[in-house]
N, C-alpha and C. Protein backbone atom coordinates (compact mmCIF):
# COMPACT_ATOMS: atom_id res chain seq x y z
N UNK A 1 12.78 -1.68 -12.27
CA UNK A 1 13.99 -1.47 -11.74
C UNK A 1 13.92 -2.96 -10.29
N UNK A 2 14.99 -2.72 -9.87
CA UNK A 2 15.40 -3.57 -8.71
C UNK A 2 14.34 -2.69 -8.11
N UNK A 3 13.69 -3.19 -6.41
CA UNK A 3 13.30 -2.49 -5.93
C UNK A 3 14.70 -1.75 -5.03
N UNK A 4 15.53 -2.63 -4.92
CA UNK A 4 17.00 -1.68 -4.11
C UNK A 4 17.14 -1.03 -4.43
N UNK A 5 17.17 -0.38 -5.44
CA UNK A 5 16.93 0.88 -5.88
C UNK A 5 15.92 1.36 -6.78
N UNK A 6 14.84 0.92 -6.35
CA UNK A 6 13.37 2.30 -5.38
C UNK A 6 13.27 2.73 -4.40
N UNK A 7 13.45 3.98 -3.84
CA UNK A 7 13.25 4.52 -2.51
C UNK A 7 12.07 3.80 -1.72
N UNK A 8 12.13 3.88 -0.76
CA UNK A 8 11.27 3.79 0.69
C UNK A 8 9.46 3.80 0.57
N UNK A 9 9.37 4.71 0.03
CA UNK A 9 8.81 6.07 -0.14
C UNK A 9 7.66 5.44 -1.37
N UNK A 10 8.08 5.17 -3.52
CA UNK A 10 7.55 4.36 -3.72
C UNK A 10 7.35 3.47 -3.56
N UNK A 11 7.58 2.21 -3.27
CA UNK A 11 7.07 1.13 -2.60
C UNK A 11 6.07 1.50 -1.50
N UNK A 12 5.84 1.67 -0.64
CA UNK A 12 4.77 2.13 0.23
C UNK A 12 3.42 2.50 -0.85
N UNK A 13 3.98 3.57 -1.91
CA UNK A 13 2.77 3.98 -2.87
C UNK A 13 2.28 3.38 -3.95
N UNK A 14 3.18 2.26 -4.40
CA UNK A 14 2.58 0.80 -4.66
C UNK A 14 1.58 0.28 -3.85
N UNK A 15 2.33 0.10 -2.48
CA UNK A 15 0.91 -1.32 -1.97
C UNK A 15 0.12 -0.41 -1.03
N UNK A 16 -0.38 1.06 -1.07
CA UNK A 16 -1.04 1.57 -0.58
C UNK A 16 -1.06 1.55 0.96
N UNK A 17 -2.34 2.44 1.19
CA UNK A 17 -3.48 2.16 2.64
C UNK A 17 -4.13 1.61 3.32
N UNK A 18 -4.48 0.60 2.15
CA UNK A 18 -6.19 -0.26 2.07
C UNK A 18 -6.21 -1.37 1.51
N UNK A 19 -6.85 -1.89 1.48
CA UNK A 19 -7.20 -2.78 1.32
C UNK A 19 -6.20 -3.81 1.18
N UNK A 20 -6.80 -5.20 0.20
CA UNK A 20 -5.86 -6.62 0.77
C UNK A 20 -4.17 -6.85 0.09
N UNK A 21 -3.60 -5.40 -0.48
CA UNK A 21 -2.60 -5.47 -0.61
C UNK A 21 -1.56 -4.71 0.22
N UNK A 22 -2.41 -3.61 0.73
CA UNK A 22 -1.46 -3.29 1.55
C UNK A 22 -1.52 -3.68 2.91
N UNK A 23 -2.90 -5.13 3.40
CA UNK A 23 -2.38 -5.86 4.30
C UNK A 23 -1.17 -7.33 4.19
N UNK A 24 -1.40 -7.71 2.69
CA UNK A 24 -0.38 -8.45 2.05
C UNK A 24 1.17 -8.68 2.87
N UNK A 25 1.26 -7.41 2.12
CA UNK A 25 2.59 -6.48 1.56
C UNK A 25 3.72 -7.17 1.73
N UNK A 26 2.79 -8.67 0.83
CA UNK A 26 3.58 -9.75 -0.38
C UNK A 26 4.47 -10.86 0.70
N UNK A 27 3.63 -10.88 1.74
CA UNK A 27 3.94 -11.74 2.94
C UNK A 27 3.66 -13.21 3.00
N UNK A 28 2.42 -13.27 1.54
CA UNK A 28 1.96 -14.61 1.94
C UNK A 28 3.35 -15.56 1.39
N UNK A 29 4.01 -16.08 0.93
CA UNK A 29 5.41 -17.46 1.22
C UNK A 29 6.19 -16.47 2.11
N UNK A 30 6.15 -15.63 2.86
CA UNK A 30 7.08 -15.12 3.70
C UNK A 30 7.48 -15.52 4.91
N UNK A 31 5.89 -15.60 5.45
CA UNK A 31 5.93 -15.44 6.85
C UNK A 31 6.76 -17.40 7.33
N UNK A 32 7.51 -17.21 8.51
CA UNK A 32 7.92 -18.01 8.82
C UNK A 32 6.92 -18.95 9.64
N UNK A 33 7.61 -20.97 9.62
CA UNK A 33 7.15 -21.49 10.34
C UNK A 33 6.15 -21.16 11.60
N UNK A 34 4.81 -21.13 11.51
CA UNK A 34 4.29 -20.45 13.30
C UNK A 34 4.29 -19.74 12.97
N UNK A 35 4.55 -18.77 12.01
CA UNK A 35 3.80 -17.10 12.26
C UNK A 35 3.08 -17.47 11.07
N UNK A 36 1.48 -16.56 11.18
CA UNK A 36 0.45 -16.45 10.51
C UNK A 36 0.11 -14.81 10.39
N UNK A 37 -1.90 -14.80 9.77
CA UNK A 37 -1.19 -13.39 9.61
C UNK A 37 -2.22 -12.18 10.71
N UNK A 38 -3.43 -12.93 11.11
CA UNK A 38 -4.44 -12.51 12.27
C UNK A 38 -3.19 -12.10 13.46
N UNK A 39 -2.16 -12.99 13.28
CA UNK A 39 -0.87 -12.70 14.08
C UNK A 39 -0.17 -12.18 13.90
N UNK A 40 0.16 -10.97 13.19
CA UNK A 40 1.30 -10.53 12.27
C UNK A 40 0.77 -9.39 11.95
N UNK A 41 0.65 -8.40 12.28
CA UNK A 41 0.30 -7.12 11.78
C UNK A 41 0.43 -6.23 10.82
N UNK A 42 -0.31 -5.87 9.92
CA UNK A 42 -0.21 -5.09 9.00
C UNK A 42 0.95 -4.61 9.02
N UNK A 43 1.27 -4.08 9.82
CA UNK A 43 2.69 -3.05 10.05
C UNK A 43 4.12 -3.29 9.69
N UNK A 44 4.17 -4.40 10.75
CA UNK A 44 5.24 -5.72 10.95
C UNK A 44 5.22 -6.13 9.32
N UNK A 45 4.37 -6.55 8.61
CA UNK A 45 4.53 -7.23 7.22
C UNK A 45 5.04 -5.85 6.56
N UNK A 46 4.47 -4.80 6.95
CA UNK A 46 5.24 -3.52 5.80
C UNK A 46 6.94 -3.53 6.06
N UNK A 47 6.90 -3.13 7.86
CA UNK A 47 8.76 -3.90 7.90
C UNK A 47 9.41 -3.99 7.32
N UNK A 48 8.62 -5.86 6.76
CA UNK A 48 9.73 -6.89 6.61
C UNK A 48 9.78 -7.04 4.89
N UNK A 49 9.15 -6.64 4.49
CA UNK A 49 8.64 -6.21 3.03
C UNK A 49 9.76 -4.94 2.57
N UNK A 50 9.93 -3.99 3.34
CA UNK A 50 11.37 -2.97 2.90
C UNK A 50 12.51 -3.31 3.01
N UNK A 51 12.50 -4.55 4.32
CA UNK A 51 13.74 -4.91 4.71
C UNK A 51 14.02 -6.16 3.20
N UNK A 52 13.50 -6.58 3.55
CA UNK A 52 13.55 -7.68 2.01
C UNK A 52 14.19 -7.57 0.52
N UNK A 53 13.09 -6.08 0.64
CA UNK A 53 13.19 -5.22 -0.50
C UNK A 53 14.94 -4.29 -0.87
N UNK A 54 14.83 -4.09 0.29
CA UNK A 54 16.39 -4.16 0.52
C UNK A 54 16.21 -2.64 0.31
N UNK A 55 15.24 -1.50 -0.05
CA UNK A 55 15.24 0.34 -0.88
C UNK A 55 16.27 1.28 -0.62
N UNK A 56 16.86 1.39 -1.15
CA UNK A 56 17.66 2.62 -1.42
C UNK A 56 19.21 2.06 -0.89
N UNK A 57 18.92 1.07 -1.56
CA UNK A 57 20.47 0.32 -1.46
C UNK A 57 20.83 -0.06 -2.60
N UNK A 58 21.25 0.31 -3.46
CA UNK A 58 22.13 0.13 -4.87
C UNK A 58 22.66 -1.05 -5.51
N UNK A 59 23.74 -0.46 -4.23
CA UNK A 59 24.76 -1.58 -4.27
C UNK A 59 24.60 -2.66 -3.96
N UNK A 60 23.92 -2.93 -2.22
CA UNK A 60 23.74 -4.31 -1.81
C UNK A 60 23.77 -5.62 -2.91
N UNK A 61 23.15 -5.27 -4.14
CA UNK A 61 22.98 -5.89 -4.52
C UNK A 61 22.03 -7.14 -4.27
N UNK A 62 20.86 -7.17 -3.38
CA UNK A 62 20.06 -8.49 -2.87
C UNK A 62 18.56 -7.45 -2.88
N UNK A 63 17.98 -8.20 -3.59
CA UNK A 63 16.12 -7.45 -2.70
C UNK A 63 15.00 -8.62 -3.91
N UNK A 64 14.26 -8.35 -3.42
CA UNK A 64 13.06 -9.52 -3.77
C UNK A 64 12.36 -9.14 -4.67
N UNK A 65 12.19 -8.15 -5.06
CA UNK A 65 11.42 -7.73 -6.29
C UNK A 65 11.47 -7.01 -7.21
N UNK A 66 11.16 -6.11 -8.44
CA UNK A 66 10.83 -5.25 -9.22
C UNK A 66 10.02 -4.61 -9.11
N UNK A 67 10.37 -3.00 -9.15
CA UNK A 67 9.27 -1.91 -9.03
C UNK A 67 9.05 -1.53 -10.91
N UNK A 68 8.42 -1.30 -10.88
CA UNK A 68 7.30 0.02 -12.10
C UNK A 68 7.37 0.68 -12.16
N UNK A 69 7.53 1.58 -13.21
CA UNK A 69 7.37 2.86 -13.23
C UNK A 69 7.04 3.66 -14.48
N UNK A 70 5.64 4.52 -14.35
CA UNK A 70 4.87 5.33 -15.59
C UNK A 70 4.94 6.67 -15.55
N UNK A 71 6.00 6.97 -16.52
CA UNK A 71 6.50 8.58 -16.70
C UNK A 71 6.52 8.61 -15.16
N UNK A 72 7.92 8.00 -14.12
CA UNK A 72 8.34 8.19 -13.23
C UNK A 72 7.79 8.00 -11.58
N UNK A 73 6.34 8.08 -12.54
CA UNK A 73 5.47 7.97 -10.86
C UNK A 73 5.12 5.71 -10.78
N UNK A 74 5.87 5.35 -8.84
CA UNK A 74 5.64 4.10 -8.52
C UNK A 74 4.32 3.78 -9.15
N UNK A 75 3.86 2.56 -10.15
CA UNK A 75 2.65 2.35 -10.34
C UNK A 75 3.03 0.39 -9.96
N UNK A 76 4.08 0.12 -9.58
CA UNK A 76 3.78 -1.54 -9.82
C UNK A 76 4.84 -2.29 -9.29
N UNK A 77 4.46 -3.51 -8.49
CA UNK A 77 5.28 -4.51 -8.30
C UNK A 77 5.75 -5.71 -8.26
N UNK A 78 6.53 -6.74 -8.32
CA UNK A 78 6.26 -7.92 -8.63
C UNK A 78 7.24 -8.38 -7.77
N UNK A 79 7.35 -9.36 -7.32
CA UNK A 79 7.92 -10.29 -6.20
C UNK A 79 9.05 -11.25 -7.29
N UNK A 80 10.14 -11.65 -7.02
CA UNK A 80 11.01 -12.18 -7.87
C UNK A 80 11.90 -12.84 -7.10
N UNK A 81 12.73 -13.58 -6.71
CA UNK A 81 13.71 -13.96 -6.27
C UNK A 81 13.91 -15.49 -6.33
N UNK A 82 15.44 -16.55 -5.74
CA UNK A 82 15.00 -17.50 -6.12
C UNK A 82 13.81 -18.50 -5.21
N UNK A 83 12.82 -19.31 -6.16
CA UNK A 83 12.25 -20.25 -5.24
C UNK A 83 12.56 -20.13 -4.16
N UNK A 84 13.53 -20.99 -3.17
CA UNK A 84 13.65 -21.08 -2.00
C UNK A 84 13.07 -20.21 -0.94
N UNK A 85 13.28 -18.53 -1.58
CA UNK A 85 13.29 -17.62 -0.15
C UNK A 85 12.09 -17.42 -0.01
N UNK A 86 11.00 -18.64 -0.28
CA UNK A 86 9.61 -18.47 -0.87
C UNK A 86 9.26 -19.71 0.47
N UNK A 87 10.18 -19.63 1.45
CA UNK A 87 9.60 -20.48 2.82
C UNK A 87 8.52 -21.26 2.62
N UNK A 88 7.18 -20.44 2.96
CA UNK A 88 5.61 -21.05 2.26
C UNK A 88 5.12 -21.84 1.77
N UNK A 89 6.07 -20.70 0.37
CA UNK A 89 5.48 -21.67 -1.19
C UNK A 89 5.66 -23.39 -0.99
N UNK A 90 7.32 -23.44 -0.26
CA UNK A 90 8.26 -24.63 -0.71
C UNK A 90 8.06 -25.54 0.83
N UNK A 91 7.06 -24.78 2.02
CA UNK A 91 5.90 -26.53 2.81
C UNK A 91 5.18 -26.03 3.02
N UNK A 92 3.73 -24.99 2.02
CA UNK A 92 2.82 -25.80 2.41
C UNK A 92 1.89 -25.38 1.19
N UNK A 93 2.69 -24.91 0.04
CA UNK A 93 2.15 -24.79 -1.15
C UNK A 93 1.79 -26.11 -1.93
N UNK A 94 0.88 -26.34 -2.20
CA UNK A 94 0.42 -27.65 -3.16
C UNK A 94 1.12 -27.58 -4.86
N UNK A 95 0.58 -25.71 -5.57
CA UNK A 95 0.60 -26.11 -6.68
C UNK A 95 1.78 -26.42 -7.20
N UNK A 96 2.99 -25.79 -6.78
CA UNK A 96 4.12 -25.73 -8.06
C UNK A 96 5.00 -27.39 -7.96
N UNK A 97 4.16 -28.20 -6.57
CA UNK A 97 5.16 -30.05 -6.81
C UNK A 97 4.13 -30.81 -7.69
N UNK A 98 2.46 -30.66 -7.29
CA UNK A 98 1.94 -31.88 -7.91
C UNK A 98 2.40 -32.00 -8.99
N UNK A 99 2.49 -33.37 -9.29
CA UNK A 99 3.01 -34.26 -10.94
C UNK A 99 4.87 -33.83 -10.74
N UNK A 100 5.55 -33.80 -9.95
CA UNK A 100 6.62 -32.95 -10.67
C UNK A 100 7.41 -33.14 -9.45
N UNK A 101 8.81 -33.64 -9.88
CA UNK A 101 9.40 -34.30 -9.26
C UNK A 101 10.33 -32.54 -9.12
N UNK A 102 10.65 -32.54 -7.93
CA UNK A 102 11.21 -31.09 -8.51
C UNK A 102 12.40 -31.01 -6.49
N UNK A 103 13.48 -30.21 -6.67
CA UNK A 103 14.10 -30.12 -6.03
C UNK A 103 14.22 -28.82 -4.67
N UNK A 104 13.10 -28.23 -3.78
CA UNK A 104 12.05 -27.61 -3.51
C UNK A 104 12.86 -26.38 -2.75
N UNK A 105 14.20 -26.74 -2.99
CA UNK A 105 15.43 -26.22 -2.17
C UNK A 105 16.43 -25.85 -3.15
N UNK A 106 16.39 -25.83 -4.96
CA UNK A 106 17.09 -25.52 -5.50
C UNK A 106 16.97 -24.18 -5.49
N UNK A 107 17.90 -23.34 -5.59
CA UNK A 107 18.04 -21.68 -5.27
C UNK A 107 18.37 -21.62 -6.80
N UNK A 108 18.92 -22.12 -7.78
CA UNK A 108 18.82 -21.80 -9.07
C UNK A 108 17.38 -21.67 -10.14
N UNK A 109 16.40 -22.23 -9.42
CA UNK A 109 15.32 -21.72 -9.79
C UNK A 109 14.41 -21.30 -9.05
N UNK A 110 14.06 -19.60 -10.06
CA UNK A 110 13.27 -18.81 -8.91
C UNK A 110 12.00 -18.76 -9.77
N UNK A 111 11.50 -17.64 -8.64
CA UNK A 111 9.92 -17.32 -9.01
C UNK A 111 8.99 -16.59 -8.88
N UNK A 112 8.60 -16.13 -9.13
CA UNK A 112 7.51 -15.31 -9.62
C UNK A 112 6.10 -15.39 -8.60
N UNK A 113 6.15 -14.71 -7.63
CA UNK A 113 4.78 -15.19 -6.91
C UNK A 113 4.05 -14.03 -6.48
N UNK A 114 3.84 -12.93 -7.08
CA UNK A 114 3.47 -11.81 -6.72
C UNK A 114 3.22 -10.46 -8.44
N UNK A 115 2.32 -10.04 -8.14
CA UNK A 115 1.81 -8.58 -9.48
C UNK A 115 1.12 -7.43 -7.81
N UNK A 116 1.18 -5.97 -8.09
CA UNK A 116 0.76 -5.67 -7.86
C UNK A 116 0.94 -4.25 -8.56
N UNK A 117 -0.33 -3.75 -9.20
CA UNK A 117 -0.55 -2.46 -10.23
C UNK A 117 -1.35 -1.75 -8.84
N UNK A 118 -1.45 -0.49 -8.93
CA UNK A 118 -1.51 0.41 -8.17
C UNK A 118 -3.24 0.87 -8.73
N UNK A 119 -3.90 1.11 -8.21
CA UNK A 119 -5.59 1.66 -8.29
C UNK A 119 -4.93 2.83 -9.13
N UNK A 120 -5.95 2.71 -10.97
CA UNK A 120 -5.81 4.32 -11.38
C UNK A 120 -4.70 3.93 -12.52
N UNK A 121 -3.78 2.63 -12.88
CA UNK A 121 -2.96 2.21 -13.45
C UNK A 121 -3.11 0.60 -14.56
N UNK A 122 -4.22 0.00 -13.39
CA UNK A 122 -4.10 -1.56 -14.22
C UNK A 122 -4.68 -1.21 -15.43
N UNK A 123 -4.74 -2.29 -15.96
CA UNK A 123 -5.51 -2.32 -17.80
C UNK A 123 -4.38 -1.15 -18.55
N UNK A 124 -2.63 -2.04 -18.20
CA UNK A 124 -2.28 -1.01 -18.85
C UNK A 124 -0.69 -1.00 -18.93
N UNK A 125 -0.65 -2.88 -18.83
CA UNK A 125 0.51 -3.70 -19.47
C UNK A 125 1.71 -3.66 -18.18
N UNK A 126 1.32 -2.97 -17.12
CA UNK A 126 2.09 -3.03 -16.02
C UNK A 126 2.73 -4.82 -15.93
N UNK A 127 1.83 -5.90 -14.76
CA UNK A 127 1.82 -7.00 -14.85
C UNK A 127 3.11 -8.01 -16.16
N UNK A 128 2.17 -7.63 -17.45
CA UNK A 128 3.31 -7.92 -18.18
C UNK A 128 4.28 -7.15 -18.96
N UNK A 129 4.86 -5.67 -18.41
CA UNK A 129 6.83 -5.72 -18.06
C UNK A 129 7.41 -6.08 -17.17
N UNK A 130 6.72 -6.13 -15.99
CA UNK A 130 6.95 -6.22 -14.58
C UNK A 130 7.13 -7.93 -15.13
N UNK A 131 6.49 -9.08 -15.10
CA UNK A 131 7.27 -10.30 -16.10
C UNK A 131 8.46 -10.06 -16.86
N UNK A 132 7.73 -9.79 -17.80
CA UNK A 132 9.29 -9.44 -18.87
C UNK A 132 10.42 -8.93 -18.06
N UNK A 133 10.39 -8.10 -17.42
CA UNK A 133 11.53 -7.80 -16.29
C UNK A 133 11.96 -9.15 -15.65
N UNK A 134 11.61 -9.29 -15.15
CA UNK A 134 11.29 -10.49 -14.20
C UNK A 134 12.19 -11.34 -14.45
N UNK A 135 11.75 -11.91 -15.85
CA UNK A 135 12.26 -13.01 -16.62
C UNK A 135 14.30 -12.56 -16.82
N UNK A 136 14.49 -11.15 -17.29
CA UNK A 136 15.39 -10.75 -17.13
C UNK A 136 16.56 -10.81 -16.32
N UNK A 137 15.60 -10.22 -15.38
CA UNK A 137 16.33 -10.05 -14.37
C UNK A 137 16.56 -11.07 -13.31
N UNK A 138 15.42 -12.52 -13.71
CA UNK A 138 16.44 -13.61 -13.66
C UNK A 138 17.73 -14.45 -13.50
N UNK A 139 17.25 -13.96 -14.98
CA UNK A 139 18.62 -14.41 -16.17
C UNK A 139 20.00 -13.71 -15.68
N UNK A 140 19.97 -12.30 -15.87
CA UNK A 140 20.60 -11.64 -15.09
C UNK A 140 21.81 -11.85 -13.34
N UNK A 141 21.22 -12.40 -13.00
CA UNK A 141 21.26 -12.90 -11.59
C UNK A 141 21.60 -14.17 -11.42
N UNK A 142 21.26 -15.02 -12.74
CA UNK A 142 22.34 -16.71 -12.15
C UNK A 142 21.25 -17.65 -12.29
N UNK A 143 19.96 -17.25 -12.63
CA UNK A 143 18.55 -18.39 -12.09
C UNK A 143 19.76 -18.95 -13.60
N UNK A 144 18.73 -20.73 -12.76
CA UNK A 144 18.98 -21.76 -14.19
C UNK A 144 17.72 -21.71 -14.82
N UNK A 145 16.08 -21.07 -14.03
CA UNK A 145 15.12 -21.69 -14.59
C UNK A 145 14.20 -20.57 -14.34
N UNK A 146 13.24 -20.00 -14.24
CA UNK A 146 12.11 -19.47 -13.29
C UNK A 146 10.89 -19.80 -13.66
N UNK A 147 10.04 -19.74 -12.80
CA UNK A 147 9.18 -20.56 -12.57
C UNK A 147 7.58 -18.57 -12.73
N UNK A 148 6.36 -19.31 -12.66
CA UNK A 148 5.75 -18.71 -12.35
C UNK A 148 4.18 -19.92 -12.28
N UNK A 149 2.91 -19.00 -11.05
CA UNK A 149 1.88 -20.36 -10.36
C UNK A 149 0.83 -19.50 -11.10
N UNK A 150 -0.05 -18.67 -12.17
CA UNK A 150 -0.98 -17.92 -12.68
C UNK A 150 -2.07 -19.02 -12.03
N UNK A 151 -2.96 -17.99 -12.10
CA UNK A 151 -4.19 -18.59 -11.73
C UNK A 151 -5.39 -17.81 -13.50
N UNK A 152 -5.81 -19.15 -13.58
CA UNK A 152 -6.54 -18.95 -15.65
C UNK A 152 -8.04 -17.70 -15.25
N UNK A 153 -8.14 -17.34 -15.78
CA UNK A 153 -9.25 -16.09 -15.45
C UNK A 153 -10.15 -16.38 -15.77
N UNK A 154 -11.12 -17.65 -16.04
CA UNK A 154 -11.93 -18.43 -15.08
C UNK A 154 -12.53 -18.93 -14.61
N UNK A 155 -13.91 -18.05 -14.05
CA UNK A 155 -14.42 -17.41 -12.70
C UNK A 155 -13.25 -17.01 -11.72
N UNK A 156 -12.07 -16.38 -11.93
CA UNK A 156 -11.63 -15.62 -10.67
C UNK A 156 -12.35 -14.52 -9.96
N UNK A 157 -11.00 -14.58 -8.34
CA UNK A 157 -11.73 -13.31 -7.33
C UNK A 157 -11.26 -13.14 -8.03
N UNK A 158 -10.97 -11.24 -7.88
CA UNK A 158 -10.74 -10.18 -8.21
C UNK A 158 -9.02 -10.61 -7.07
N UNK A 159 -9.21 -11.01 -5.98
CA UNK A 159 -7.71 -10.65 -4.72
C UNK A 159 -6.92 -11.66 -5.44
N UNK A 160 -7.58 -13.08 -6.42
CA UNK A 160 -6.71 -13.94 -6.70
C UNK A 160 -5.47 -13.30 -7.91
N UNK A 161 -5.95 -12.28 -7.81
CA UNK A 161 -5.14 -12.29 -9.13
C UNK A 161 -3.63 -11.71 -9.11
N UNK A 162 -3.21 -11.18 -7.38
CA UNK A 162 -2.44 -11.14 -7.12
C UNK A 162 -0.96 -12.09 -7.94
N UNK A 163 -1.38 -12.91 -8.18
CA UNK A 163 -0.23 -14.07 -8.66
C UNK A 163 -0.09 -14.67 -10.28
N UNK A 164 -1.20 -13.54 -10.83
CA UNK A 164 -0.99 -13.57 -12.84
C UNK A 164 -2.02 -14.86 -12.89
N UNK A 165 -1.89 -13.46 -14.00
CA UNK A 165 -3.18 -14.82 -15.37
C UNK A 165 -1.73 -15.22 -16.63
N UNK A 166 -2.67 -16.04 -16.72
CA UNK A 166 -1.89 -17.17 -18.01
C UNK A 166 -0.71 -16.76 -18.87
N UNK A 167 -1.58 -15.11 -18.93
CA UNK A 167 -1.40 -14.21 -20.23
C UNK A 167 -0.97 -13.99 -20.06
N UNK A 168 -0.26 -12.88 -18.76
CA UNK A 168 0.57 -12.24 -18.27
C UNK A 168 2.31 -13.41 -18.74
N UNK A 169 2.12 -14.73 -18.01
CA UNK A 169 2.78 -15.54 -18.05
C UNK A 169 3.94 -15.59 -19.87
N UNK A 170 2.46 -16.63 -20.80
CA UNK A 170 2.51 -16.18 -21.88
C UNK A 170 3.53 -15.09 -23.18
N UNK A 171 3.12 -14.07 -22.68
CA UNK A 171 3.22 -13.13 -23.11
C UNK A 171 4.72 -12.66 -22.93
N UNK A 172 5.45 -13.26 -21.45
CA UNK A 172 6.80 -13.06 -21.40
C UNK A 172 7.56 -14.27 -21.51
N UNK A 173 7.20 -14.69 -22.53
CA UNK A 173 7.66 -15.83 -22.90
C UNK A 173 7.85 -17.65 -22.19
N UNK A 174 6.94 -17.76 -20.48
CA UNK A 174 6.71 -18.77 -20.27
C UNK A 174 5.82 -19.68 -20.87
N UNK A 175 5.98 -21.22 -20.90
CA UNK A 175 5.28 -22.08 -21.18
C UNK A 175 4.49 -23.25 -19.93
N UNK A 176 3.78 -23.44 -20.37
CA UNK A 176 2.99 -24.17 -19.30
C UNK A 176 3.56 -25.45 -19.29
N UNK A 177 3.84 -25.78 -17.73
CA UNK A 177 4.70 -27.07 -17.27
C UNK A 177 3.33 -28.14 -16.42
N UNK A 178 2.03 -27.47 -16.18
CA UNK A 178 1.29 -28.38 -15.39
C UNK A 178 0.10 -27.65 -14.94
N UNK A 179 -1.07 -28.94 -14.99
CA UNK A 179 -2.08 -27.53 -14.25
C UNK A 179 -2.92 -28.59 -13.08
N UNK A 180 -2.07 -28.37 -11.69
CA UNK A 180 -2.34 -29.01 -10.70
C UNK A 180 -4.03 -28.64 -10.21
N UNK A 181 -4.51 -27.90 -11.00
CA UNK A 181 -5.47 -28.04 -10.63
C UNK A 181 -6.30 -27.32 -11.68
N UNK A 182 -7.99 -26.94 -11.41
CA UNK A 182 -8.52 -26.00 -12.57
C UNK A 182 -8.52 -25.18 -12.77
N UNK A 183 -7.68 -24.52 -12.02
CA UNK A 183 -7.99 -22.47 -12.09
C UNK A 183 -6.25 -21.75 -11.95
N UNK A 184 -5.44 -23.05 -11.57
CA UNK A 184 -3.50 -22.99 -11.63
C UNK A 184 -3.13 -23.66 -12.29
N UNK A 185 -2.09 -23.12 -12.88
CA UNK A 185 -1.37 -23.64 -13.73
C UNK A 185 0.56 -23.49 -13.52
N UNK A 186 1.25 -24.02 -13.65
CA UNK A 186 1.92 -24.07 -13.46
C UNK A 186 3.64 -23.66 -14.51
N UNK A 187 3.48 -22.35 -14.49
CA UNK A 187 4.35 -22.20 -16.13
C UNK A 187 6.37 -21.65 -15.81
N UNK A 188 6.73 -21.85 -16.87
CA UNK A 188 8.56 -21.75 -16.73
C UNK A 188 9.11 -21.59 -17.90
N UNK A 189 10.30 -21.43 -17.52
CA UNK A 189 11.14 -20.35 -17.74
C UNK A 189 12.76 -21.03 -17.74
N UNK A 190 12.44 -22.15 -19.16
CA UNK A 190 14.05 -22.76 -18.15
C UNK A 190 15.29 -21.73 -19.41
N UNK A 191 16.32 -21.67 -18.18
CA UNK A 191 17.90 -20.69 -19.53
C UNK A 191 18.87 -21.75 -20.33
């Protein structure tokens, strides 16, 4: 479901209270110029995520992602919104742009930048379900395309899986656009 229809408590439950996911709060590509993780407390990142997700505000129509539920329990998160909303992705990330002539400011191209699945609920298809939902969500909001930047599963470090895997994106209908590095792929659906 769109995160603006979820409760703030459900979003906090998904991100937990410790570990990499908790520390990041899906802010890697959202930090403003000159902001950096060491100078930006986790509590502030969590507050920002709550504002971006716009939880408990179903009429707003604006949110930065989706929350997955399994038997009524909040179990996952997927960051999905116009690619231009990810300032760090546009400013610093090399992966999406290598060998491509793309208008970085094009709001009609959406991006999936992060997946979170709670401990105890992994290996149950949560990321795959979220990727499929992200496609439908972006399409329903007028996107002309949606992209993801997954990692290959060869020699992967667990903390890198937040970007998703090639299999997760393929299962949702994404096709490969480019392989800018040995371990990263740009995948896309044009609507």
